[in-house]
Amino acid sequence: MKYNIFLFAALLLACLTGCETLNNDEETVSYPNAIIIKPANPSLVDAGLLMKDGTVIYPIGSAFGDGGFYVPDYISSRCMFFGEKYTEWPLRLDVAAALDVAPAFAIHAVEYFGVEYTKPGQQINEIVLAGIDNSLGLGYSLSIPMKQGKYEGENSLIKDVRIDSYQRATITDDNTYIHIVITSNAGDVIILHFTGKILPTGDVG
């Protein structure tokens, strides 16, 4: 059946993650909206990204999302997080310039009809990080395949993925809460943290 992009508002109101809640509200406050990397070894990244303890922080300025129905099987969704603060979907602002625009990280999820989702992020099928400094040893773009929220070792650089929170907007709360901790085989700790509103991409297809 033809894939139809539906209105983002409907996606927010759909019960994608109605049963998922934050594990720790205090933890939400203690982290900035950012990709936070605690390298196992000293890195050569831009000094402006480094904290005193050697932690590397890539701030997140805006987030966008959309999704679609594959009737009668599942609902798909994607969330994209950008370092820049955009008020409109950046890939539609200027088609030529869009080639240089990429999310700092993105999350692709699939929710199957008839399946009960009880754990945070159980719908996640892929996490993608882009624009990471190569000196961290994780490559410029890092794709982490998941199987319904479970990491099964498909990326040789990654040891473990822990999803503490993946709470999408609901009827009563239009904010999204995401806190994911990724550990590399080398010992790096990567935290993906976001609390706030995800704007619609406006894409139609």
Protein backbone atom coordinates (compact mmCIF):
# COMPACT_ATOMS: atom_id res chain seq x y z
CA MET A 1 0.00 0.00 0.00
CA LYS A 2 1.18 3.47 -0.83
CA TYR A 3 3.03 5.23 1.98
CA ASN A 4 1.17 8.35 3.04
CA ILE A 5 2.80 11.03 5.14
CA PHE A 6 0.28 12.20 7.67
CA LEU A 7 0.06 15.44 9.59
CA PHE A 8 2.61 15.67 12.38
CA ALA A 9 -0.06 16.80 14.79
CA ALA A 10 -1.83 13.51 14.33
CA LEU A 11 1.41 11.69 15.03
CA LEU A 12 1.78 13.58 18.29
CA LEU A 13 -1.75 12.74 19.34
CA ALA A 14 -1.38 9.10 18.38
CA CYS A 15 -0.50 6.80 21.20
CA LEU A 16 3.04 6.09 20.09
CA THR A 17 4.48 6.19 23.56
CA GLY A 18 1.61 6.76 25.89
CA CYS A 19 2.87 4.23 28.42
CA GLU A 20 6.44 5.51 28.52
CA THR A 21 7.50 7.90 31.25
CA LEU A 22 10.70 9.57 32.34
CA ASN A 23 12.74 7.51 34.73
CA ASN A 24 14.06 10.56 36.57
CA ASP A 25 12.73 14.10 36.25
CA GLU A 26 15.82 15.54 37.96
CA GLU A 27 18.04 13.98 35.31
CA THR A 28 16.13 15.91 32.65
CA VAL A 29 17.18 19.19 34.22
CA SER A 30 20.81 18.23 34.76
CA TYR A 31 21.66 17.79 31.06
CA PRO A 32 21.52 20.33 28.23
CA ASN A 33 19.84 19.56 24.91
CA ALA A 34 22.90 18.14 23.24
CA ILE A 35 25.01 15.23 22.12
CA ILE A 36 27.29 14.81 25.12
CA ILE A 37 30.39 12.70 24.57
CA LYS A 38 32.74 11.58 27.32
CA PRO A 39 35.73 10.31 25.30
CA ALA A 40 37.72 7.34 26.48
CA ASN A 41 40.85 9.09 25.17
CA PRO A 42 41.84 12.74 24.72
CA SER A 43 40.38 14.23 21.54
CA LEU A 44 41.43 17.01 19.18
CA VAL A 45 37.99 18.55 18.73
CA ASP A 46 37.34 22.28 18.58
CA ALA A 47 38.18 23.80 21.97
CA GLY A 48 34.80 25.53 21.95
CA LEU A 49 33.12 22.15 22.25
CA LEU A 50 35.24 20.95 25.17
CA MET A 51 34.40 21.17 28.86
CA LYS A 52 37.11 21.31 31.52
CA ASP A 53 36.76 17.60 32.22
CA GLY A 54 37.29 16.72 28.55
CA THR A 55 33.61 16.16 27.81
CA VAL A 56 32.58 17.19 24.28
CA ILE A 57 29.22 18.90 23.88
CA TYR A 58 27.38 19.37 20.58
CA PRO A 59 24.38 21.58 21.46
CA ILE A 60 20.94 20.88 19.96
CA GLY A 61 19.08 24.01 18.87
CA SER A 62 15.98 22.60 17.20
CA ALA A 63 14.14 19.39 16.40
CA PHE A 64 11.75 18.25 13.67
CA GLY A 65 9.74 15.14 13.08
CA ASP A 66 7.26 13.39 10.85
CA GLY A 67 5.92 9.95 10.17
CA GLY A 68 3.57 7.81 8.19
CA PHE A 69 1.11 4.93 8.19
CA TYR A 70 1.81 1.59 6.52
CA VAL A 71 -1.70 0.20 6.89
CA PRO A 72 -2.43 -2.38 8.19
CA ASP A 73 0.99 -3.16 9.63
CA TYR A 74 2.68 -0.26 11.39
CA ILE A 75 3.29 3.45 12.00
CA SER A 76 6.72 4.90 11.32
CA SER A 77 8.23 8.09 12.70
CA ARG A 78 11.49 9.98 12.54
CA CYS A 79 12.89 12.71 14.78
CA MET A 80 15.78 14.89 13.60
CA PHE A 81 17.83 17.11 15.90
CA PHE A 82 19.89 20.03 14.59
CA GLY A 83 22.69 22.01 16.17
CA GLU A 84 21.29 25.23 14.70
CA LYS A 85 18.10 26.86 15.94
CA TYR A 86 15.68 26.57 13.03
CA THR A 87 12.08 27.75 13.17
CA GLU A 88 11.22 26.08 9.85
CA TRP A 89 12.17 22.72 8.41
CA PRO A 90 15.69 23.50 7.11
CA LEU A 91 15.58 21.16 4.14
CA ARG A 92 12.77 23.24 2.66
CA LEU A 93 14.28 26.68 3.22
CA ASP A 94 16.74 26.49 0.35
CA VAL A 95 17.04 23.37 -1.76
CA ALA A 96 20.59 24.17 -2.89
CA ALA A 97 21.86 24.98 0.59
CA ALA A 98 20.03 21.99 2.05
CA LEU A 99 22.77 19.72 0.77
CA ASP A 100 24.96 21.09 3.58
CA VAL A 101 22.31 20.65 6.26
CA ALA A 102 22.27 17.43 8.25
CA PRO A 103 20.80 16.55 11.64
CA ALA A 104 23.27 16.19 14.50
CA PHE A 105 21.39 13.02 15.29
CA ALA A 106 18.21 11.29 14.17
CA ILE A 107 15.97 8.57 15.53
CA HIS A 108 13.89 6.28 13.35
CA ALA A 109 11.08 4.32 15.01
CA VAL A 110 8.41 1.85 13.98
CA GLU A 111 5.35 0.89 16.01
CA TYR A 112 3.53 -2.23 14.88
CA PHE A 113 -0.22 -2.44 15.29
CA GLY A 114 -1.26 -5.01 17.85
CA VAL A 115 2.06 -4.93 19.74
CA GLU A 116 2.06 -3.66 23.33
CA TYR A 117 4.95 -1.27 23.93
CA THR A 118 5.83 -1.07 27.61
CA LYS A 119 9.50 0.00 27.70
CA PRO A 120 11.08 3.35 26.75
CA GLY A 121 12.19 3.41 23.13
CA GLN A 122 10.90 -0.04 22.30
CA GLN A 123 9.88 1.32 18.88
CA ILE A 124 13.38 2.56 17.93
CA ASN A 125 14.92 0.81 14.91
CA GLU A 126 17.88 3.10 14.19
CA ILE A 127 19.90 5.92 15.73
CA VAL A 128 22.13 8.02 13.46
CA LEU A 129 24.76 10.56 14.55
CA ALA A 130 26.39 12.93 12.04
CA GLY A 131 29.08 15.59 12.16
CA ILE A 132 31.07 14.06 14.99
CA ASP A 133 34.75 14.97 14.99
CA ASN A 134 36.83 12.14 13.52
CA SER A 135 39.41 12.48 16.29
CA LEU A 136 36.90 10.83 18.62
CA GLY A 137 37.38 7.62 16.65
CA LEU A 138 33.69 7.12 15.94
CA GLY A 139 33.69 8.26 12.33
CA TYR A 140 31.98 11.30 10.84
CA SER A 141 28.63 9.51 10.62
CA LEU A 142 27.60 6.77 13.00
CA SER A 143 24.63 4.50 12.27
CA ILE A 144 23.38 2.25 15.07
CA PRO A 145 20.77 -0.29 13.91
CA MET A 146 18.27 -1.38 16.55
CA LYS A 147 15.57 -4.03 16.62
CA GLN A 148 12.54 -2.61 18.37
CA GLY A 149 14.61 -0.82 21.00
CA LYS A 150 17.21 -3.56 21.39
CA TYR A 151 20.81 -3.19 20.29
CA GLU A 152 22.26 -6.47 19.07
CA GLY A 153 25.82 -5.45 18.19
CA GLU A 154 25.40 -4.56 14.51
CA ASN A 155 27.92 -1.69 14.70
CA SER A 156 31.49 -2.83 15.46
CA LEU A 157 32.24 0.46 17.27
CA ILE A 158 29.32 0.29 19.68
CA LYS A 159 29.07 -1.93 22.75
CA ASP A 160 25.74 -0.96 24.30
CA VAL A 161 22.69 1.32 23.92
CA ARG A 162 20.56 2.17 26.93
CA ILE A 163 17.28 4.01 26.41
CA ASP A 164 16.35 5.75 29.66
CA SER A 165 13.58 7.83 28.12
CA TYR A 166 11.83 8.10 24.78
CA GLN A 167 8.61 9.90 25.59
CA ARG A 168 7.01 11.61 22.62
CA ALA A 169 4.47 14.41 22.90
CA THR A 170 0.98 13.47 24.07
CA ILE A 171 -2.39 15.17 24.26
CA THR A 172 -1.60 16.51 27.74
CA ASP A 173 2.10 17.28 27.24
CA ASP A 174 3.42 18.65 23.95
CA ASN A 175 7.06 18.21 24.95
CA THR A 176 9.29 15.30 24.02
CA TYR A 177 11.71 13.74 26.50
CA ILE A 178 14.66 11.73 25.19
CA HIS A 179 17.64 10.42 27.12
CA ILE A 180 19.76 7.71 25.50
CA VAL A 181 23.17 6.50 26.66
CA ILE A 182 25.47 4.83 24.13
CA THR A 183 28.74 3.13 25.11
CA SER A 184 31.44 2.43 22.54
CA ASN A 185 33.74 -0.56 22.59
CA ALA A 186 36.61 1.83 23.28
CA GLY A 187 34.87 3.11 26.41
CA ASP A 188 33.41 6.38 25.11
CA VAL A 189 30.06 7.38 26.59
CA ILE A 190 27.64 9.22 24.27
CA ILE A 191 24.52 10.80 25.73
CA LEU A 192 21.69 11.96 23.48
CA HIS A 193 19.51 14.32 25.48
CA PHE A 194 16.54 16.41 24.41
CA THR A 195 13.64 17.99 26.25
CA GLY A 196 11.28 20.25 24.33
CA LYS A 197 9.04 20.60 21.32
CA ILE A 198 9.53 18.78 18.04
CA LEU A 199 8.26 20.84 15.09
CA PRO A 200 6.63 19.25 12.02
CA THR A 201 8.73 18.98 8.87
CA GLY A 202 5.75 19.79 6.67
CA ASP A 203 6.87 17.17 4.18
CA VAL A 204 4.12 15.54 2.15
CA GLY A 205 4.35 12.43 0.07
